[in-house]
Structures are given as structure tokens and as C-alpha cells.
């Protein structure tokens, strides 16, 4: 690290939109940090799977949960209920969905580089 940097999700470098959600990407320090906003009714297997073209989400995630409730079901059937203030580490191979009427907001430090990208 040679110099200090400051970026804001208020002016992201890239935004990817999909049904009932979006991901905002900030490139900083040679890495990418993503903020995902998932609206009530969002489910990975319905909103992002058609873009990803995989059976499950193959992006690993290391994320801080800002708001809302997100259920994550791992490939082995394990379920996690992620809420505001939680930090989760999720390997590839999962589905996820919003529970309740509050949007889910997560800040992801690992898995958003190719998330919801058709490339």
C-alpha cells in the first residue's frame, strides 16, 4: 500500500442490477468491495441464477450484514440465518433468500468481483 485511498458506495465504480436487487462495486487498494441490496422476495436461485448459469452460487463470500435477514442454505443442507451485525464466511455452493419485509444489505469483501456478471 503506497497511499491512502477513500471511496464511497455513494459513487460506486460499477453497479450490477438484477430482479429485486443490485450490487455496487468499489475498487480500492487493488481489491473490490461490494455492497449488495436485496429487496423482499429476492432469492439467488430466481434473481441471479439465470445470469450466473450455475446450479448454486459459486462465489465465496466474506460479508458483514448491515440490515435485514438473509437465509443461506449450503450445498450440504446447512442453513444459516444472517442478521444485522453478523459476519459470515460462505464457501461456494449455496442458495440464499430474503426473509421478511426489510431489504437485506451486505458488504462483501471477497465474492463480488464476478457476482451477477454475464461475463
N, C-alpha and C. Protein backbone atom coordinates (compact mmCIF):
# COMPACT_ATOMS: atom_id res chain seq x y z
N UNK A 1 0.85 -1.17 0.00
CA UNK A 1 0.00 0.00 0.00
C UNK A 1 0.89 1.23 0.00
N UNK A 2 0.76 2.03 -1.04
CA UNK A 2 1.61 3.20 -1.18
C UNK A 2 0.96 4.50 -0.72
N UNK A 3 -0.36 4.56 -0.79
CA UNK A 3 -1.03 5.81 -0.43
C UNK A 3 -2.41 5.53 0.14
N UNK A 4 -2.92 6.50 0.85
CA UNK A 4 -4.26 6.38 1.40
C UNK A 4 -5.28 6.55 0.28
N UNK A 5 -6.40 5.84 0.40
CA UNK A 5 -7.47 5.95 -0.57
C UNK A 5 -8.79 6.07 0.17
N UNK A 6 -9.75 6.71 -0.46
CA UNK A 6 -11.08 6.84 0.10
C UNK A 6 -12.08 6.70 -1.05
N UNK A 7 -13.03 5.80 -0.89
CA UNK A 7 -14.07 5.59 -1.89
C UNK A 7 -15.40 5.57 -1.16
N UNK A 8 -16.49 5.73 -1.93
CA UNK A 8 -17.82 5.74 -1.34
C UNK A 8 -18.78 4.89 -2.17
N UNK A 9 -19.65 4.14 -1.48
CA UNK A 9 -20.70 3.43 -2.19
C UNK A 9 -21.72 4.42 -2.76
N UNK A 10 -21.65 5.69 -2.34
CA UNK A 10 -22.49 6.72 -2.93
C UNK A 10 -22.10 7.03 -4.37
N UNK A 11 -20.89 6.65 -4.75
CA UNK A 11 -20.38 6.84 -6.11
C UNK A 11 -19.58 5.59 -6.50
N UNK A 12 -20.26 4.44 -6.66
CA UNK A 12 -19.54 3.19 -6.93
C UNK A 12 -18.89 3.18 -8.31
N UNK A 13 -17.88 2.34 -8.46
CA UNK A 13 -17.21 2.18 -9.75
C UNK A 13 -18.08 1.41 -10.75
N UNK A 14 -18.94 0.54 -10.24
CA UNK A 14 -19.80 -0.26 -11.10
C UNK A 14 -21.06 -0.65 -10.33
N UNK A 15 -22.18 -0.74 -11.04
CA UNK A 15 -23.44 -1.21 -10.46
C UNK A 15 -23.98 -2.32 -11.36
N UNK A 16 -24.35 -3.43 -10.75
CA UNK A 16 -24.98 -4.54 -11.48
C UNK A 16 -26.37 -4.74 -10.91
N UNK A 17 -27.37 -4.65 -11.78
CA UNK A 17 -28.75 -4.80 -11.34
C UNK A 17 -29.32 -6.12 -11.83
N UNK A 18 -30.23 -6.67 -11.05
CA UNK A 18 -30.92 -7.91 -11.38
C UNK A 18 -32.26 -7.85 -10.67
N UNK A 19 -33.19 -8.77 -11.00
CA UNK A 19 -34.51 -8.68 -10.37
C UNK A 19 -34.44 -8.64 -8.84
N UNK A 20 -35.07 -7.63 -8.27
CA UNK A 20 -35.18 -7.44 -6.82
C UNK A 20 -33.85 -7.21 -6.12
N UNK A 21 -32.84 -6.71 -6.85
CA UNK A 21 -31.58 -6.43 -6.19
C UNK A 21 -30.55 -5.76 -7.08
N UNK A 22 -29.44 -5.41 -6.43
CA UNK A 22 -28.32 -4.83 -7.16
C UNK A 22 -27.05 -4.99 -6.32
N UNK A 23 -25.92 -4.91 -7.00
CA UNK A 23 -24.62 -4.94 -6.36
C UNK A 23 -23.87 -3.69 -6.79
N UNK A 24 -23.30 -2.98 -5.83
CA UNK A 24 -22.48 -1.81 -6.10
C UNK A 24 -21.04 -2.18 -5.77
N UNK A 25 -20.13 -1.91 -6.70
CA UNK A 25 -18.74 -2.30 -6.52
C UNK A 25 -17.84 -1.07 -6.40
N UNK A 26 -16.93 -1.13 -5.43
CA UNK A 26 -15.93 -0.10 -5.23
C UNK A 26 -14.56 -0.78 -5.34
N UNK A 27 -13.73 -0.26 -6.23
CA UNK A 27 -12.37 -0.79 -6.41
C UNK A 27 -11.43 0.07 -5.60
N UNK A 28 -10.72 -0.57 -4.66
CA UNK A 28 -9.84 0.18 -3.76
C UNK A 28 -8.69 -0.72 -3.29
N UNK A 29 -7.51 -0.15 -3.22
CA UNK A 29 -6.35 -0.89 -2.71
C UNK A 29 -6.03 -2.14 -3.50
N UNK A 30 -6.34 -2.17 -4.77
CA UNK A 30 -6.09 -3.34 -5.59
C UNK A 30 -7.14 -4.42 -5.44
N UNK A 31 -8.19 -4.16 -4.66
CA UNK A 31 -9.26 -5.14 -4.45
C UNK A 31 -10.62 -4.56 -4.79
N UNK A 32 -11.64 -5.36 -4.58
CA UNK A 32 -13.01 -4.95 -4.85
C UNK A 32 -13.86 -5.25 -3.61
N UNK A 33 -14.62 -4.26 -3.18
CA UNK A 33 -15.58 -4.42 -2.10
C UNK A 33 -16.96 -4.20 -2.71
N UNK A 34 -17.89 -5.07 -2.37
CA UNK A 34 -19.24 -4.95 -2.92
C UNK A 34 -20.28 -4.71 -1.85
N UNK A 35 -21.24 -3.89 -2.18
CA UNK A 35 -22.42 -3.73 -1.32
C UNK A 35 -23.60 -4.27 -2.11
N UNK A 36 -24.27 -5.26 -1.53
CA UNK A 36 -25.44 -5.85 -2.17
C UNK A 36 -26.69 -5.41 -1.44
N UNK A 37 -27.70 -5.06 -2.21
CA UNK A 37 -29.00 -4.72 -1.67
C UNK A 37 -30.00 -5.70 -2.28
N UNK A 38 -30.65 -6.49 -1.43
CA UNK A 38 -31.63 -7.48 -1.86
C UNK A 38 -32.99 -7.08 -1.29
N UNK A 39 -33.95 -6.88 -2.16
CA UNK A 39 -35.29 -6.46 -1.74
C UNK A 39 -36.09 -7.66 -1.24
N UNK A 40 -37.14 -7.41 -0.45
CA UNK A 40 -38.02 -8.51 -0.02
C UNK A 40 -38.48 -9.32 -1.24
N UNK A 41 -38.45 -10.63 -1.11
CA UNK A 41 -38.81 -11.51 -2.21
C UNK A 41 -37.63 -11.96 -3.05
N UNK A 42 -36.45 -11.36 -2.82
CA UNK A 42 -35.26 -11.77 -3.58
C UNK A 42 -34.82 -13.17 -3.17
N UNK A 43 -34.42 -13.95 -4.15
CA UNK A 43 -33.83 -15.26 -3.91
C UNK A 43 -32.77 -15.47 -5.00
N UNK A 44 -31.57 -15.92 -4.60
CA UNK A 44 -30.48 -16.09 -5.56
C UNK A 44 -30.92 -16.99 -6.71
N UNK A 45 -31.56 -18.12 -6.42
CA UNK A 45 -31.91 -19.08 -7.46
C UNK A 45 -32.95 -18.55 -8.44
N UNK A 46 -33.60 -17.45 -8.13
CA UNK A 46 -34.57 -16.85 -9.05
C UNK A 46 -34.02 -15.58 -9.71
N UNK A 47 -33.25 -14.79 -8.97
CA UNK A 47 -32.80 -13.49 -9.47
C UNK A 47 -31.42 -13.50 -10.12
N UNK A 48 -30.52 -14.33 -9.63
CA UNK A 48 -29.14 -14.29 -10.11
C UNK A 48 -28.75 -15.56 -10.87
N UNK A 49 -29.36 -16.68 -10.54
CA UNK A 49 -29.01 -17.94 -11.22
C UNK A 49 -29.09 -17.84 -12.75
N UNK A 50 -30.11 -17.19 -13.31
CA UNK A 50 -30.14 -17.08 -14.77
C UNK A 50 -28.94 -16.33 -15.35
N UNK A 51 -28.38 -15.42 -14.59
CA UNK A 51 -27.19 -14.67 -15.02
C UNK A 51 -25.95 -15.53 -14.85
N UNK A 52 -25.84 -16.19 -13.69
CA UNK A 52 -24.65 -17.00 -13.37
C UNK A 52 -24.59 -18.27 -14.21
N UNK A 53 -25.73 -18.87 -14.48
CA UNK A 53 -25.76 -20.10 -15.26
C UNK A 53 -25.23 -21.32 -14.51
N UNK A 54 -25.26 -21.27 -13.17
CA UNK A 54 -24.81 -22.39 -12.34
C UNK A 54 -25.98 -22.85 -11.47
N UNK A 55 -25.90 -24.07 -10.95
CA UNK A 55 -26.97 -24.60 -10.11
C UNK A 55 -27.09 -23.85 -8.79
N UNK A 56 -25.94 -23.45 -8.24
CA UNK A 56 -25.90 -22.72 -6.98
C UNK A 56 -24.92 -21.56 -7.12
N UNK A 57 -24.93 -20.66 -6.15
CA UNK A 57 -23.97 -19.56 -6.16
C UNK A 57 -22.58 -20.14 -5.94
N UNK A 58 -21.70 -19.88 -6.87
CA UNK A 58 -20.33 -20.40 -6.79
C UNK A 58 -19.34 -19.36 -6.29
N UNK A 59 -19.84 -18.17 -5.92
CA UNK A 59 -18.97 -17.13 -5.38
C UNK A 59 -18.81 -17.33 -3.87
N UNK A 60 -17.57 -17.41 -3.39
CA UNK A 60 -17.38 -17.44 -1.94
C UNK A 60 -17.59 -16.03 -1.39
N UNK A 61 -18.12 -15.93 -0.18
CA UNK A 61 -18.40 -14.62 0.40
C UNK A 61 -17.81 -14.50 1.80
N UNK A 62 -17.30 -13.31 2.09
CA UNK A 62 -16.89 -12.91 3.43
C UNK A 62 -17.58 -11.58 3.63
N UNK A 63 -18.67 -11.58 4.40
CA UNK A 63 -19.51 -10.40 4.39
C UNK A 63 -20.01 -9.96 5.77
N UNK A 64 -20.26 -8.67 5.84
CA UNK A 64 -20.84 -8.05 7.02
C UNK A 64 -22.30 -7.72 6.69
N UNK A 65 -23.21 -8.15 7.54
CA UNK A 65 -24.64 -7.95 7.32
C UNK A 65 -25.09 -6.65 7.99
N UNK A 66 -25.45 -5.68 7.17
CA UNK A 66 -25.82 -4.35 7.65
C UNK A 66 -27.27 -4.32 8.13
N UNK A 67 -28.16 -4.93 7.33
CA UNK A 67 -29.58 -4.90 7.71
C UNK A 67 -30.33 -6.07 7.08
N UNK A 68 -31.51 -6.33 7.62
CA UNK A 68 -32.38 -7.38 7.09
C UNK A 68 -31.98 -8.77 7.56
N UNK A 69 -32.74 -9.75 7.10
CA UNK A 69 -32.48 -11.15 7.44
C UNK A 69 -32.32 -11.94 6.15
N UNK A 70 -31.22 -12.66 6.06
CA UNK A 70 -30.88 -13.47 4.90
C UNK A 70 -30.70 -14.91 5.35
N UNK A 71 -31.42 -15.82 4.71
CA UNK A 71 -31.21 -17.24 4.96
C UNK A 71 -30.29 -17.77 3.87
N UNK A 72 -29.27 -18.52 4.26
CA UNK A 72 -28.34 -19.13 3.32
C UNK A 72 -28.41 -20.63 3.52
N UNK A 73 -28.67 -21.36 2.44
CA UNK A 73 -28.67 -22.82 2.50
C UNK A 73 -27.47 -23.33 1.71
N UNK A 74 -26.58 -24.00 2.45
CA UNK A 74 -25.37 -24.55 1.82
C UNK A 74 -25.71 -25.82 1.06
N UNK A 75 -24.82 -26.21 0.18
CA UNK A 75 -24.99 -27.40 -0.65
C UNK A 75 -25.27 -28.65 0.19
N UNK A 76 -24.70 -28.72 1.40
CA UNK A 76 -24.88 -29.90 2.26
C UNK A 76 -26.18 -29.83 3.09
N UNK A 77 -26.99 -28.77 2.87
CA UNK A 77 -28.24 -28.63 3.59
C UNK A 77 -28.17 -27.75 4.83
N UNK A 78 -26.98 -27.38 5.27
CA UNK A 78 -26.82 -26.48 6.42
C UNK A 78 -27.47 -25.13 6.10
N UNK A 79 -28.24 -24.61 7.05
CA UNK A 79 -28.86 -23.29 6.88
C UNK A 79 -28.34 -22.32 7.93
N UNK A 80 -28.05 -21.12 7.48
CA UNK A 80 -27.62 -20.03 8.36
C UNK A 80 -28.63 -18.90 8.26
N UNK A 81 -28.97 -18.30 9.38
CA UNK A 81 -29.84 -17.13 9.39
C UNK A 81 -28.97 -15.93 9.74
N UNK A 82 -28.70 -15.10 8.75
CA UNK A 82 -27.80 -13.97 8.90
C UNK A 82 -28.60 -12.69 9.13
N UNK A 83 -28.25 -11.98 10.21
CA UNK A 83 -28.98 -10.76 10.59
C UNK A 83 -28.02 -9.60 10.74
N UNK A 84 -28.59 -8.43 10.92
CA UNK A 84 -27.82 -7.21 11.12
C UNK A 84 -26.76 -7.41 12.21
N UNK A 85 -25.53 -7.02 11.90
CA UNK A 85 -24.43 -7.14 12.84
C UNK A 85 -23.64 -8.42 12.70
N UNK A 86 -24.14 -9.40 11.94
CA UNK A 86 -23.43 -10.67 11.75
C UNK A 86 -22.33 -10.54 10.70
N UNK A 87 -21.35 -11.39 10.81
CA UNK A 87 -20.29 -11.56 9.82
C UNK A 87 -20.36 -13.01 9.38
N UNK A 88 -20.40 -13.24 8.06
CA UNK A 88 -20.50 -14.61 7.58
C UNK A 88 -19.38 -14.91 6.59
N UNK A 89 -18.96 -16.17 6.61
CA UNK A 89 -17.99 -16.71 5.67
C UNK A 89 -18.68 -17.87 4.97
N UNK A 90 -18.91 -17.73 3.68
CA UNK A 90 -19.69 -18.70 2.93
C UNK A 90 -18.87 -19.23 1.76
N UNK A 91 -18.57 -20.51 1.76
CA UNK A 91 -17.87 -21.08 0.61
C UNK A 91 -18.82 -21.20 -0.58
N UNK A 92 -18.28 -21.48 -1.73
CA UNK A 92 -19.09 -21.69 -2.93
C UNK A 92 -20.06 -22.84 -2.70
N UNK A 93 -21.21 -22.76 -3.38
CA UNK A 93 -22.19 -23.83 -3.29
C UNK A 93 -23.31 -23.52 -2.32
N UNK A 94 -24.13 -22.52 -2.62
CA UNK A 94 -25.23 -22.15 -1.74
C UNK A 94 -26.33 -21.42 -2.50
N UNK A 95 -27.49 -21.35 -1.88
CA UNK A 95 -28.60 -20.52 -2.31
C UNK A 95 -28.87 -19.57 -1.15
N UNK A 96 -29.57 -18.48 -1.38
CA UNK A 96 -29.88 -17.52 -0.31
C UNK A 96 -31.15 -16.78 -0.67
N UNK A 97 -31.86 -16.31 0.38
CA UNK A 97 -33.09 -15.56 0.14
C UNK A 97 -33.38 -14.64 1.30
N UNK A 98 -34.12 -13.57 0.99
CA UNK A 98 -34.53 -12.57 1.98
C UNK A 98 -35.75 -13.09 2.73
N UNK A 99 -35.75 -12.89 4.05
CA UNK A 99 -36.89 -13.23 4.90
C UNK A 99 -37.45 -11.92 5.46
N UNK A 100 -38.75 -11.75 5.36
CA UNK A 100 -39.39 -10.57 5.93
C UNK A 100 -39.54 -9.44 4.94
N UNK A 101 -39.92 -8.28 5.48
CA UNK A 101 -40.24 -7.11 4.66
C UNK A 101 -39.13 -6.08 4.59
N UNK A 102 -38.00 -6.33 5.23
CA UNK A 102 -36.89 -5.38 5.24
C UNK A 102 -35.85 -5.80 4.20
N UNK A 103 -35.36 -4.84 3.39
CA UNK A 103 -34.29 -5.19 2.47
C UNK A 103 -33.05 -5.68 3.22
N UNK A 104 -32.33 -6.59 2.59
CA UNK A 104 -31.06 -7.06 3.13
C UNK A 104 -29.95 -6.24 2.48
N UNK A 105 -29.05 -5.73 3.32
CA UNK A 105 -27.86 -5.04 2.82
C UNK A 105 -26.65 -5.74 3.42
N UNK A 106 -25.73 -6.16 2.55
CA UNK A 106 -24.48 -6.78 3.00
C UNK A 106 -23.32 -6.09 2.32
N UNK A 107 -22.20 -6.01 3.04
CA UNK A 107 -20.94 -5.54 2.47
C UNK A 107 -20.04 -6.75 2.38
N UNK A 108 -19.59 -7.05 1.16
CA UNK A 108 -18.84 -8.28 0.88
C UNK A 108 -17.41 -7.93 0.50
N UNK A 109 -16.47 -8.55 1.19
CA UNK A 109 -15.05 -8.27 0.98
C UNK A 109 -14.35 -9.31 0.12
N UNK A 110 -15.11 -10.28 -0.41
CA UNK A 110 -14.45 -11.35 -1.15
C UNK A 110 -15.12 -11.73 -2.46
N UNK A 111 -16.43 -11.94 -2.48
CA UNK A 111 -17.04 -12.65 -3.59
C UNK A 111 -17.78 -11.85 -4.63
N UNK A 112 -17.60 -10.55 -4.71
CA UNK A 112 -18.41 -9.76 -5.62
C UNK A 112 -17.74 -9.42 -6.95
N UNK A 113 -16.51 -9.82 -7.15
CA UNK A 113 -15.81 -9.46 -8.38
C UNK A 113 -16.58 -9.91 -9.61
N UNK A 114 -17.08 -11.13 -9.62
CA UNK A 114 -17.80 -11.64 -10.79
C UNK A 114 -19.29 -11.89 -10.50
N UNK A 115 -19.77 -11.50 -9.35
CA UNK A 115 -21.14 -11.75 -8.94
C UNK A 115 -22.12 -11.06 -9.88
N UNK A 116 -23.13 -11.79 -10.35
CA UNK A 116 -24.17 -11.26 -11.23
C UNK A 116 -23.60 -10.64 -12.49
N UNK A 117 -22.49 -11.19 -12.95
CA UNK A 117 -21.86 -10.71 -14.18
C UNK A 117 -22.05 -11.76 -15.26
N UNK A 118 -22.47 -11.31 -16.43
CA UNK A 118 -22.70 -12.23 -17.55
C UNK A 118 -21.40 -12.60 -18.25
N UNK A 119 -20.31 -12.01 -17.85
CA UNK A 119 -19.02 -12.30 -18.49
C UNK A 119 -18.40 -13.57 -18.00
